[in-house]
Amino acid sequence: MTKDELNPKKITARASFVHNSPRKLRLVLDAVRGMRPVEAVARLKLLPQRAAKPILAVFNQAVGNAKNNFSISPANLQVQSAQIMEGPRIGKKADVHAHGARFDRGVRRKRLAHIVINLIEEKNGTKS
């Protein structure tokens, strides 16, 4: 076995401080989980959710990184991991309706998220 077969190339793409709720992003990412990157990009283009757009951008970035930096064909890529992580909560905004003592007294906090996608090169149709 060669060195490349033992340690496949790992391509990473990320987007930080995305202005979408992490939960909504995870629901969209779960719809394309397990697909090859080329199939995932095709599916994300058709999804109506707003959260599909930043995930599509990160997938395109990962495929572009593989082509330009490592000269790997997109057909030979496999998703190793795809994660949506919590970002900071910002932008306190008071809600005008009464909410009582619970639910933070009607204060809305905007949630941000971080998206990380790792791809690996597949050798001869099998996972490396």
Protein backbone atom coordinates (compact mmCIF):
# COMPACT_ATOMS: atom_id res chain seq x y z
CA MET A 1 0.00 0.00 0.00
CA THR A 2 1.21 3.46 -0.81
CA LYS A 3 1.28 6.40 1.54
CA ASP A 4 -1.73 8.03 -0.18
CA GLU A 5 -3.84 4.91 0.31
CA LEU A 6 -3.06 4.85 4.02
CA ASN A 7 -3.64 8.59 4.51
CA PRO A 8 -6.27 9.85 2.08
CA LYS A 9 -6.36 13.56 1.34
CA LYS A 10 -8.77 15.44 3.55
CA ILE A 11 -10.52 18.46 2.06
CA THR A 12 -12.17 20.90 4.47
CA ALA A 13 -14.58 23.74 3.82
CA ARG A 14 -16.25 25.90 6.43
CA ALA A 15 -18.53 28.85 6.90
CA SER A 16 -18.58 30.71 10.19
CA PHE A 17 -21.20 32.97 11.74
CA VAL A 18 -23.97 31.95 9.35
CA HIS A 19 -27.20 33.85 10.08
CA ASN A 20 -29.41 30.78 10.32
CA SER A 21 -30.59 28.75 13.27
CA PRO A 22 -28.39 25.68 13.79
CA ARG A 23 -31.46 23.46 14.14
CA LYS A 24 -32.87 24.53 10.79
CA LEU A 25 -29.49 24.02 9.13
CA ARG A 26 -29.23 20.53 10.64
CA LEU A 27 -32.64 19.57 9.25
CA VAL A 28 -31.51 20.52 5.74
CA LEU A 29 -28.13 18.84 6.15
CA ASP A 30 -29.83 15.63 7.29
CA ALA A 31 -31.73 15.58 3.98
CA VAL A 32 -28.45 15.25 2.05
CA ARG A 33 -26.42 13.27 4.60
CA GLY A 34 -24.89 10.11 3.14
CA MET A 35 -24.90 11.39 -0.44
CA ARG A 36 -21.87 12.05 -2.57
CA PRO A 37 -21.00 15.77 -2.84
CA VAL A 38 -22.15 16.00 -6.47
CA GLU A 39 -25.54 14.47 -5.59
CA ALA A 40 -25.84 16.67 -2.49
CA VAL A 41 -25.23 19.84 -4.54
CA ALA A 42 -27.92 18.81 -7.03
CA ARG A 43 -30.40 18.11 -4.21
CA LEU A 44 -29.61 21.34 -2.32
CA LYS A 45 -30.30 23.42 -5.43
CA LEU A 46 -33.87 22.11 -5.45
CA LEU A 47 -34.68 22.45 -1.76
CA PRO A 48 -36.96 25.41 -0.95
CA GLN A 49 -35.59 26.06 2.54
CA ARG A 50 -33.57 29.21 3.15
CA ALA A 51 -31.01 27.14 5.07
CA ALA A 52 -30.08 25.22 1.90
CA LYS A 53 -28.23 28.22 0.42
CA PRO A 54 -25.31 28.46 2.92
CA ILE A 55 -24.92 24.67 2.99
CA LEU A 56 -24.83 24.63 -0.82
CA ALA A 57 -22.13 27.32 -0.75
CA VAL A 58 -19.97 25.24 1.62
CA PHE A 59 -20.39 22.10 -0.51
CA ASN A 60 -19.40 24.07 -3.62
CA GLN A 61 -16.40 25.45 -1.75
CA ALA A 62 -15.31 21.95 -0.69
CA VAL A 63 -15.63 20.56 -4.22
CA GLY A 64 -13.73 23.58 -5.56
CA ASN A 65 -10.97 23.07 -2.99
CA ALA A 66 -10.63 19.44 -4.09
CA LYS A 67 -10.41 20.36 -7.79
CA ASN A 68 -8.10 23.36 -7.50
CA ASN A 69 -5.85 22.46 -4.58
CA PHE A 70 -5.56 18.68 -4.92
CA SER A 71 -6.59 18.00 -8.57
CA ILE A 72 -9.22 15.49 -7.44
CA SER A 73 -12.25 14.82 -9.61
CA PRO A 74 -15.59 15.57 -7.87
CA ALA A 75 -16.78 12.08 -8.86
CA ASN A 76 -14.08 10.56 -6.61
CA LEU A 77 -15.13 12.43 -3.46
CA GLN A 78 -16.96 11.10 -0.43
CA VAL A 79 -18.31 13.08 2.53
CA GLN A 80 -16.36 12.13 5.63
CA SER A 81 -18.23 14.42 8.02
CA ALA A 82 -20.67 17.29 7.87
CA GLN A 83 -21.35 19.28 11.02
CA ILE A 84 -23.45 22.23 12.07
CA MET A 85 -22.16 23.78 15.29
CA GLU A 86 -23.68 26.45 17.49
CA GLY A 87 -22.39 29.97 17.07
CA PRO A 88 -22.88 32.89 19.42
CA ARG A 89 -26.30 34.32 20.13
CA ILE A 90 -26.52 37.98 19.29
CA GLY A 91 -28.93 40.78 18.62
CA LYS A 92 -31.22 41.10 21.57
CA LYS A 93 -34.58 42.35 20.39
CA ALA A 94 -37.52 42.99 22.69
CA ASP A 95 -40.82 41.41 21.76
CA VAL A 96 -43.72 43.80 22.34
CA HIS A 97 -46.12 41.22 23.76
CA ALA A 98 -46.36 40.16 27.39
CA HIS A 99 -44.50 36.93 28.16
CA GLY A 100 -44.37 36.85 31.94
CA ALA A 101 -41.29 35.82 33.86
CA ARG A 102 -40.50 32.81 31.67
CA PHE A 103 -38.99 32.63 28.21
CA ASP A 104 -36.48 35.37 29.00
CA ARG A 105 -39.25 37.99 29.22
CA GLY A 106 -39.84 38.08 25.48
CA VAL A 107 -36.25 38.89 24.47
CA ARG A 108 -35.36 37.38 21.10
CA ARG A 109 -31.78 36.38 20.44
CA LYS A 110 -30.57 35.73 16.93
CA ARG A 111 -28.75 32.44 16.59
CA LEU A 112 -25.66 31.98 14.46
CA ALA A 113 -24.10 28.73 13.26
CA HIS A 114 -20.83 27.33 11.96
CA ILE A 115 -20.83 24.82 9.08
CA VAL A 116 -17.90 22.41 8.59
CA ILE A 117 -17.75 19.81 5.79
CA ASN A 118 -14.88 17.35 5.38
CA LEU A 119 -14.42 15.36 2.18
CA ILE A 120 -12.03 12.50 1.44
CA GLU A 121 -10.86 10.99 -1.82
CA GLU A 122 -12.28 7.60 -2.71
CA LYS A 123 -9.92 5.11 -4.34
CA ASN A 124 -11.27 2.74 -7.04
CA GLY A 125 -14.89 3.03 -5.94
CA THR A 126 -14.21 2.05 -2.32
CA LYS A 127 -13.80 4.18 0.74
CA SER A 128 -10.22 4.89 1.74
